[in-house]
Amino acid sequence: MSEPDPKDELVTHLPALRAFALSLTRNRATADDMMQDTVLKAWSNMDKFTPGTNMRAWLFTILRNNF
């Protein structure tokens, strides 16, 4: 069985990522901005993501580090 495309997998984690950003900021606009920055960084550094590892943890780490 082949691994899913990381770019497709990224999309599945957006709701949880937004909820985490909202829990950190307590502000919807700021949470949306943080989420957008996180997705942009993840997308532009997708070559650094190791397929088969935990995409969700990688995204949450990027978001937390942005915070």
N, C-alpha and C. Protein backbone atom coordinates (compact mmCIF):
# COMPACT_ATOMS: atom_id res chain seq x y z
N MET A 1 0.85 -1.18 0.00
CA MET A 1 0.00 0.00 0.00
C MET A 1 0.89 1.24 0.00
N SER A 2 0.59 2.18 -0.86
CA SER A 2 1.42 3.38 -0.95
C SER A 2 0.95 4.44 0.06
N GLU A 3 1.88 5.31 0.40
CA GLU A 3 1.59 6.39 1.33
C GLU A 3 0.73 7.45 0.63
N PRO A 4 -0.19 8.09 1.36
CA PRO A 4 -0.98 9.17 0.75
C PRO A 4 -0.08 10.37 0.45
N ASP A 5 -0.48 11.15 -0.54
CA ASP A 5 0.27 12.35 -0.89
C ASP A 5 0.21 13.31 0.31
N PRO A 6 1.37 13.78 0.80
CA PRO A 6 1.38 14.66 1.96
C PRO A 6 0.54 15.94 1.76
N LYS A 7 0.50 16.44 0.53
CA LYS A 7 -0.29 17.65 0.28
C LYS A 7 -1.78 17.38 0.44
N ASP A 8 -2.22 16.18 0.08
CA ASP A 8 -3.62 15.81 0.29
C ASP A 8 -3.90 15.57 1.77
N GLU A 9 -2.93 14.97 2.43
CA GLU A 9 -3.09 14.67 3.86
C GLU A 9 -3.17 15.96 4.68
N LEU A 10 -2.44 16.98 4.28
CA LEU A 10 -2.44 18.26 4.99
C LEU A 10 -3.86 18.80 5.14
N VAL A 11 -4.64 18.69 4.08
CA VAL A 11 -6.01 19.22 4.07
C VAL A 11 -6.89 18.54 5.13
N THR A 12 -6.64 17.28 5.41
CA THR A 12 -7.49 16.56 6.37
C THR A 12 -7.29 17.07 7.81
N HIS A 13 -6.19 17.74 8.07
CA HIS A 13 -5.88 18.20 9.43
C HIS A 13 -6.27 19.66 9.67
N LEU A 14 -6.81 20.34 8.68
CA LEU A 14 -7.12 21.76 8.84
C LEU A 14 -8.11 22.06 9.96
N PRO A 15 -9.20 21.30 10.11
CA PRO A 15 -10.13 21.62 11.22
C PRO A 15 -9.47 21.52 12.60
N ALA A 16 -8.67 20.48 12.82
CA ALA A 16 -8.00 20.33 14.12
C ALA A 16 -6.95 21.41 14.31
N LEU A 17 -6.29 21.78 13.24
CA LEU A 17 -5.28 22.84 13.29
C LEU A 17 -5.93 24.17 13.67
N ARG A 18 -7.08 24.45 13.10
CA ARG A 18 -7.79 25.69 13.42
C ARG A 18 -8.25 25.69 14.87
N ALA A 19 -8.74 24.57 15.33
CA ALA A 19 -9.18 24.48 16.73
C ALA A 19 -8.01 24.70 17.68
N PHE A 20 -6.85 24.16 17.35
CA PHE A 20 -5.67 24.35 18.19
C PHE A 20 -5.24 25.81 18.18
N ALA A 21 -5.24 26.43 17.01
CA ALA A 21 -4.87 27.85 16.91
C ALA A 21 -5.84 28.70 17.72
N LEU A 22 -7.11 28.37 17.65
CA LEU A 22 -8.11 29.12 18.42
C LEU A 22 -7.93 28.94 19.92
N SER A 23 -7.54 27.74 20.34
CA SER A 23 -7.31 27.51 21.77
C SER A 23 -6.09 28.28 22.27
N LEU A 24 -5.13 28.51 21.39
CA LEU A 24 -3.94 29.27 21.79
C LEU A 24 -4.20 30.77 21.84
N THR A 25 -4.93 31.26 20.85
CA THR A 25 -5.08 32.71 20.70
C THR A 25 -6.35 33.28 21.33
N ARG A 26 -7.39 32.48 21.39
CA ARG A 26 -8.70 32.93 21.87
C ARG A 26 -9.28 34.07 21.01
N ASN A 27 -8.82 34.14 19.76
CA ASN A 27 -9.27 35.17 18.83
C ASN A 27 -9.36 34.55 17.45
N ARG A 28 -10.55 34.60 16.84
CA ARG A 28 -10.75 33.92 15.55
C ARG A 28 -9.88 34.49 14.44
N ALA A 29 -9.77 35.79 14.36
CA ALA A 29 -8.98 36.40 13.29
C ALA A 29 -7.50 36.04 13.43
N THR A 30 -6.99 36.10 14.64
CA THR A 30 -5.59 35.76 14.88
C THR A 30 -5.35 34.27 14.63
N ALA A 31 -6.31 33.44 15.04
CA ALA A 31 -6.19 32.00 14.81
C ALA A 31 -6.17 31.69 13.32
N ASP A 32 -7.02 32.35 12.55
CA ASP A 32 -7.03 32.14 11.10
C ASP A 32 -5.72 32.59 10.47
N ASP A 33 -5.17 33.70 10.93
CA ASP A 33 -3.88 34.18 10.42
C ASP A 33 -2.77 33.19 10.75
N MET A 34 -2.77 32.69 11.98
CA MET A 34 -1.76 31.71 12.38
C MET A 34 -1.88 30.43 11.56
N MET A 35 -3.09 30.01 11.32
CA MET A 35 -3.31 28.81 10.55
C MET A 35 -2.84 29.00 9.11
N GLN A 36 -3.13 30.15 8.54
CA GLN A 36 -2.69 30.44 7.18
C GLN A 36 -1.16 30.44 7.09
N ASP A 37 -0.50 31.05 8.05
CA ASP A 37 0.97 31.05 8.08
C ASP A 37 1.51 29.63 8.20
N THR A 38 0.87 28.83 9.03
CA THR A 38 1.30 27.45 9.23
C THR A 38 1.18 26.64 7.95
N VAL A 39 0.05 26.77 7.27
CA VAL A 39 -0.15 26.02 6.03
C VAL A 39 0.84 26.49 4.96
N LEU A 40 1.09 27.77 4.90
CA LEU A 40 2.05 28.30 3.93
C LEU A 40 3.46 27.75 4.19
N LYS A 41 3.87 27.75 5.46
CA LYS A 41 5.19 27.22 5.81
C LYS A 41 5.26 25.72 5.53
N ALA A 42 4.22 25.00 5.88
CA ALA A 42 4.20 23.55 5.66
C ALA A 42 4.26 23.25 4.16
N TRP A 43 3.47 23.97 3.38
CA TRP A 43 3.41 23.73 1.94
C TRP A 43 4.78 24.02 1.30
N SER A 44 5.40 25.12 1.70
CA SER A 44 6.67 25.50 1.09
C SER A 44 7.83 24.62 1.57
N ASN A 45 7.64 23.92 2.68
CA ASN A 45 8.69 23.03 3.20
C ASN A 45 8.28 21.57 3.14
N MET A 46 7.35 21.25 2.26
CA MET A 46 6.85 19.88 2.15
C MET A 46 7.97 18.89 1.82
N ASP A 47 9.03 19.36 1.16
CA ASP A 47 10.14 18.48 0.83
C ASP A 47 10.90 18.02 2.08
N LYS A 48 10.71 18.74 3.20
CA LYS A 48 11.38 18.38 4.45
C LYS A 48 10.55 17.41 5.29
N PHE A 49 9.29 17.21 4.91
CA PHE A 49 8.43 16.26 5.62
C PHE A 49 8.79 14.84 5.19
N THR A 50 8.95 13.96 6.15
CA THR A 50 9.27 12.56 5.86
C THR A 50 7.97 11.77 5.72
N PRO A 51 7.68 11.28 4.51
CA PRO A 51 6.45 10.49 4.32
C PRO A 51 6.44 9.28 5.27
N GLY A 52 5.27 8.99 5.78
CA GLY A 52 5.12 7.88 6.71
C GLY A 52 5.19 8.31 8.16
N THR A 53 5.61 9.56 8.40
CA THR A 53 5.63 10.06 9.77
C THR A 53 4.33 10.81 10.05
N ASN A 54 4.21 11.35 11.22
CA ASN A 54 2.96 11.97 11.67
C ASN A 54 2.82 13.40 11.16
N MET A 55 2.02 13.56 10.11
CA MET A 55 1.78 14.87 9.51
C MET A 55 1.13 15.82 10.51
N ARG A 56 0.17 15.30 11.27
CA ARG A 56 -0.54 16.15 12.24
C ARG A 56 0.41 16.74 13.27
N ALA A 57 1.30 15.93 13.81
CA ALA A 57 2.27 16.41 14.79
C ALA A 57 3.19 17.44 14.16
N TRP A 58 3.59 17.23 12.91
CA TRP A 58 4.46 18.16 12.21
C TRP A 58 3.76 19.52 12.05
N LEU A 59 2.50 19.50 11.66
CA LEU A 59 1.74 20.74 11.48
C LEU A 59 1.53 21.46 12.82
N PHE A 60 1.19 20.71 13.84
CA PHE A 60 0.96 21.32 15.16
C PHE A 60 2.25 21.93 15.70
N THR A 61 3.38 21.32 15.41
CA THR A 61 4.67 21.87 15.84
C THR A 61 4.96 23.18 15.14
N ILE A 62 4.69 23.23 13.84
CA ILE A 62 4.88 24.47 13.08
C ILE A 62 3.98 25.56 13.67
N LEU A 63 2.72 25.25 13.91
CA LEU A 63 1.79 26.24 14.44
C LEU A 63 2.23 26.71 15.83
N ARG A 64 2.59 25.79 16.68
CA ARG A 64 3.03 26.16 18.03
C ARG A 64 4.28 27.03 17.98
N ASN A 65 5.21 26.71 17.12
CA ASN A 65 6.42 27.51 17.00
C ASN A 65 6.11 28.91 16.46
N ASN A 66 5.12 29.02 15.60
CA ASN A 66 4.70 30.34 15.13
C ASN A 66 4.09 31.17 16.25
N PHE A 67 3.40 30.48 17.14
CA PHE A 67 2.75 31.18 18.25
C PHE A 67 3.79 31.78 19.19
